[in-house]
N, C-alpha and C. Protein backbone atom coordinates (compact mmCIF):
# COMPACT_ATOMS: atom_id res chain seq x y z
N UNK A 1 122.70 132.31 83.35
CA UNK A 1 124.53 133.32 83.59
C UNK A 1 124.24 132.68 84.84
N UNK A 2 125.70 132.77 85.17
CA UNK A 2 126.11 132.41 86.38
C UNK A 2 126.45 133.41 87.61
N UNK A 3 125.57 133.88 88.41
CA UNK A 3 125.67 134.58 89.22
C UNK A 3 127.14 134.62 90.21
N UNK A 4 127.94 135.39 90.02
CA UNK A 4 128.80 135.34 91.13
C UNK A 4 128.59 135.78 92.27
N UNK A 5 127.37 136.48 92.50
CA UNK A 5 126.93 136.66 94.08
C UNK A 5 126.06 135.52 94.64
N UNK A 6 126.46 135.19 95.70
CA UNK A 6 125.41 133.47 96.20
C UNK A 6 124.35 134.54 96.87
N UNK A 7 123.22 134.17 96.83
CA UNK A 7 122.01 134.46 97.57
C UNK A 7 122.60 134.26 99.20
N UNK A 8 122.02 135.36 100.21
CA UNK A 8 122.19 134.74 101.97
C UNK A 8 121.21 134.18 102.20
N UNK A 9 122.00 132.41 102.71
CA UNK A 9 121.34 131.18 102.97
C UNK A 9 120.49 131.84 103.88
N UNK A 10 119.03 131.53 103.63
CA UNK A 10 117.74 131.39 104.77
C UNK A 10 118.51 130.75 106.43
N UNK A 11 117.21 130.90 107.62
CA UNK A 11 117.89 130.76 108.36
C UNK A 11 117.54 129.29 108.67
N UNK A 12 116.18 128.57 107.95
CA UNK A 12 116.19 127.13 108.37
C UNK A 12 117.35 126.29 107.03
N UNK A 13 117.76 126.56 105.92
CA UNK A 13 119.04 126.04 105.73
C UNK A 13 120.18 126.09 106.54
N UNK A 14 120.59 127.30 106.63
CA UNK A 14 121.42 127.20 107.44
C UNK A 14 121.57 126.38 108.63
N UNK A 15 120.85 126.11 109.18
CA UNK A 15 119.74 125.16 110.54
C UNK A 15 120.09 123.72 109.75
N UNK A 16 119.64 123.87 109.09
CA UNK A 16 119.68 122.38 108.45
C UNK A 16 121.40 121.69 107.63
N UNK A 17 122.08 123.09 107.47
CA UNK A 17 123.63 122.65 106.92
C UNK A 17 124.24 122.32 108.47
N UNK A 18 124.07 122.63 109.79
CA UNK A 18 124.87 123.00 110.56
C UNK A 18 124.02 121.10 111.46
N UNK A 19 122.88 120.95 111.19
CA UNK A 19 122.51 119.66 111.53
C UNK A 19 123.18 118.77 110.83
N UNK A 20 123.58 119.18 109.59
CA UNK A 20 124.60 118.30 108.93
C UNK A 20 125.53 117.70 108.86
N UNK A 21 126.32 119.12 109.63
CA UNK A 21 127.85 119.12 110.56
C UNK A 21 127.55 118.21 111.70
N UNK A 22 126.54 118.25 112.15
CA UNK A 22 125.99 117.34 114.19
C UNK A 22 126.52 116.11 113.58
N UNK A 23 126.12 115.23 112.20
CA UNK A 23 125.90 114.18 112.08
C UNK A 23 126.78 113.92 111.82
N UNK A 24 127.64 114.77 111.09
CA UNK A 24 129.09 113.85 110.11
C UNK A 24 130.12 113.57 111.12
N UNK A 25 130.03 114.83 112.36
CA UNK A 25 130.70 114.98 113.39
C UNK A 25 130.41 113.35 114.52
N UNK A 26 129.27 113.52 114.87
CA UNK A 26 128.93 112.03 115.20
C UNK A 26 129.03 110.69 114.92
N UNK A 27 129.20 110.78 113.14
CA UNK A 27 129.29 109.44 112.51
C UNK A 27 131.28 108.95 112.28
N UNK A 28 131.69 110.68 112.30
CA UNK A 28 132.97 110.15 112.20
C UNK A 28 133.74 109.80 113.59
N UNK A 29 133.10 110.16 115.19
CA UNK A 29 133.38 109.85 115.82
C UNK A 29 132.62 109.54 116.96
N UNK A 30 132.70 108.27 116.60
CA UNK A 30 131.45 107.75 117.53
C UNK A 30 131.92 107.13 118.55
N UNK A 31 133.07 106.75 119.35
CA UNK A 31 133.44 107.04 120.60
C UNK A 31 132.91 108.54 121.55
N UNK A 32 132.54 109.46 121.17
CA UNK A 32 132.25 110.70 121.61
C UNK A 32 131.16 110.35 121.64
N UNK A 33 130.62 111.74 122.96
CA UNK A 33 129.10 111.20 123.35
C UNK A 33 128.65 112.38 122.57
N UNK A 34 127.46 111.94 122.11
CA UNK A 34 126.72 112.66 121.14
C UNK A 34 126.15 114.43 121.74
N UNK A 35 125.45 114.13 122.89
CA UNK A 35 125.08 115.22 123.04
C UNK A 35 126.40 116.56 123.35
N UNK A 36 127.15 116.00 123.79
CA UNK A 36 128.61 116.98 123.75
C UNK A 36 128.92 117.53 123.08
N UNK A 37 128.82 116.49 121.39
CA UNK A 37 129.22 117.03 119.99
C UNK A 37 128.65 118.00 119.42
N UNK A 38 127.04 118.02 120.33
CA UNK A 38 125.56 118.98 119.83
C UNK A 38 126.14 120.24 120.42
N UNK A 39 126.69 120.13 121.79
CA UNK A 39 126.91 121.01 122.63
C UNK A 39 128.05 121.78 121.93
N UNK A 40 129.25 121.65 121.53
CA UNK A 40 129.82 121.94 120.91
C UNK A 40 129.86 123.16 119.56
N UNK A 41 128.94 121.74 118.69
CA UNK A 41 128.37 122.95 117.79
C UNK A 41 127.82 123.74 117.66
N UNK A 42 126.72 123.50 118.80
CA UNK A 42 125.58 125.08 119.22
C UNK A 42 127.40 126.28 119.49
N UNK A 43 127.69 125.45 120.48
CA UNK A 43 128.70 126.57 121.22
C UNK A 43 129.35 127.55 119.69
N UNK A 44 130.00 127.05 119.54
CA UNK A 44 130.89 127.17 118.17
C UNK A 44 129.77 128.19 117.15
N UNK A 45 129.33 128.02 116.86
CA UNK A 45 127.81 128.21 116.16
C UNK A 45 127.41 130.11 116.24
N UNK A 46 127.31 129.79 117.60
CA UNK A 46 126.31 131.28 118.64
C UNK A 46 127.57 131.84 118.32
N UNK A 47 129.16 131.45 118.48
CA UNK A 47 130.36 132.48 118.27
C UNK A 47 130.38 133.16 117.06
N UNK A 48 129.22 132.80 115.79
CA UNK A 48 129.21 133.43 114.83
C UNK A 48 128.55 134.06 114.19
N UNK A 49 127.02 134.11 115.00
CA UNK A 49 125.84 134.60 114.71
C UNK A 49 126.23 135.94 114.03
N UNK A 50 127.17 136.98 114.75
CA UNK A 50 127.23 138.21 113.83
C UNK A 50 128.00 138.60 112.71
N UNK A 51 128.44 136.87 112.08
CA UNK A 51 129.43 136.88 111.17
C UNK A 51 128.47 137.44 109.69
N UNK A 52 128.85 138.57 109.02
CA UNK A 52 128.07 139.02 107.74
C UNK A 52 128.03 137.78 106.74
N UNK A 53 129.20 137.45 106.65
CA UNK A 53 128.94 136.41 105.34
C UNK A 53 128.70 135.02 105.92
N UNK A 54 127.69 134.80 105.64
CA UNK A 54 127.07 133.11 106.11
C UNK A 54 127.37 132.06 105.46
N UNK A 55 127.60 132.18 103.93
CA UNK A 55 127.69 130.91 103.01
C UNK A 55 128.93 129.79 103.85
N UNK A 56 129.98 130.35 104.81
CA UNK A 56 130.49 129.41 104.92
C UNK A 56 130.45 129.01 106.60
N UNK A 57 129.57 129.05 107.53
CA UNK A 57 129.39 129.26 108.82
C UNK A 57 129.30 127.81 109.07
N UNK A 58 128.78 126.90 108.11
CA UNK A 58 129.01 125.40 109.17
C UNK A 58 130.03 124.95 108.72
N UNK A 59 130.88 125.16 107.58
CA UNK A 59 132.30 124.74 107.19
C UNK A 59 133.10 125.52 108.47
N UNK A 60 132.80 126.21 108.78
CA UNK A 60 133.22 127.28 109.99
C UNK A 60 133.59 126.40 110.81
N UNK A 61 132.16 126.20 111.28
CA UNK A 61 131.52 125.47 112.92
C UNK A 61 132.86 124.27 112.67
N UNK A 62 131.74 123.15 111.88
CA UNK A 62 132.72 122.24 111.64
C UNK A 62 134.57 122.00 112.03
N UNK A 63 134.93 122.93 111.39
CA UNK A 63 136.43 123.10 111.60
C UNK A 63 136.63 123.27 112.54
N UNK A 64 136.06 124.33 113.55
CA UNK A 64 135.88 125.06 114.95
C UNK A 64 135.90 123.56 115.69
N UNK A 65 135.00 122.44 115.65
CA UNK A 65 134.93 121.60 116.12
C UNK A 65 135.67 120.89 116.18
N UNK A 66 136.51 120.41 114.98
CA UNK A 66 137.28 119.16 115.13
C UNK A 66 138.12 119.68 115.70
N UNK A 67 138.98 121.39 115.75
CA UNK A 67 140.05 121.15 116.10
C UNK A 67 139.55 121.21 117.84
N UNK A 68 138.60 121.42 118.59
CA UNK A 68 138.37 121.81 119.83
C UNK A 68 138.92 120.14 120.31
N UNK A 69 137.36 119.29 119.73
CA UNK A 69 137.86 117.55 119.60
C UNK A 69 139.28 116.79 120.06
N UNK A 70 140.26 117.66 118.75
CA UNK A 70 141.60 117.53 118.65
C UNK A 70 142.10 118.31 119.43
N UNK A 71 142.29 119.45 120.47
CA UNK A 71 143.00 120.18 121.67
C UNK A 71 142.42 118.85 122.54
N UNK A 72 141.62 118.76 122.85
CA UNK A 72 141.14 117.96 124.27
C UNK A 72 141.44 116.52 124.13
N UNK A 73 142.00 115.82 123.22
CA UNK A 73 142.38 114.91 122.67
C UNK A 73 144.03 115.09 123.46
N UNK A 74 144.44 115.66 122.36
CA UNK A 74 145.81 116.18 123.00
C UNK A 74 146.19 116.62 124.88
N UNK A 75 145.33 117.17 125.06
CA UNK A 75 145.34 117.23 126.47
C UNK A 75 145.57 116.07 127.46
N UNK A 76 144.10 115.29 127.20
CA UNK A 76 144.35 113.73 127.75
C UNK A 76 145.37 113.64 127.87
N UNK A 77 145.84 113.02 126.75
CA UNK A 77 147.12 112.48 126.21
C UNK A 77 148.15 112.58 126.78
N UNK A 78 148.20 114.02 126.87
CA UNK A 78 149.38 114.47 127.34
C UNK A 78 149.55 113.88 129.46
N UNK A 79 148.07 114.27 130.06
CA UNK A 79 148.37 114.08 131.31
C UNK A 79 148.24 112.49 131.54
N UNK A 80 148.02 111.96 130.20
CA UNK A 80 148.82 110.27 130.53
C UNK A 80 149.34 109.51 130.63
N UNK A 81 150.61 111.00 130.64
CA UNK A 81 151.95 110.59 129.87
C UNK A 81 152.71 110.45 131.37
């Protein structure tokens, strides 16, 4: 029988998922410094440390970092005009 309630992810599996987020972002944005991407991921991950529902943390972190990178690009582009 399929359970509607999922188990809370353990810290190791959550960290593994965050590491996969880093790898995906680096692969999608090869021109962005890898250390900078790691820094952004860590910063956004830390903002969600008190979240009670942990299942979506990696997805949220990835979305937040993509938005950060998009916002920074927009600011750079605006300064070039």
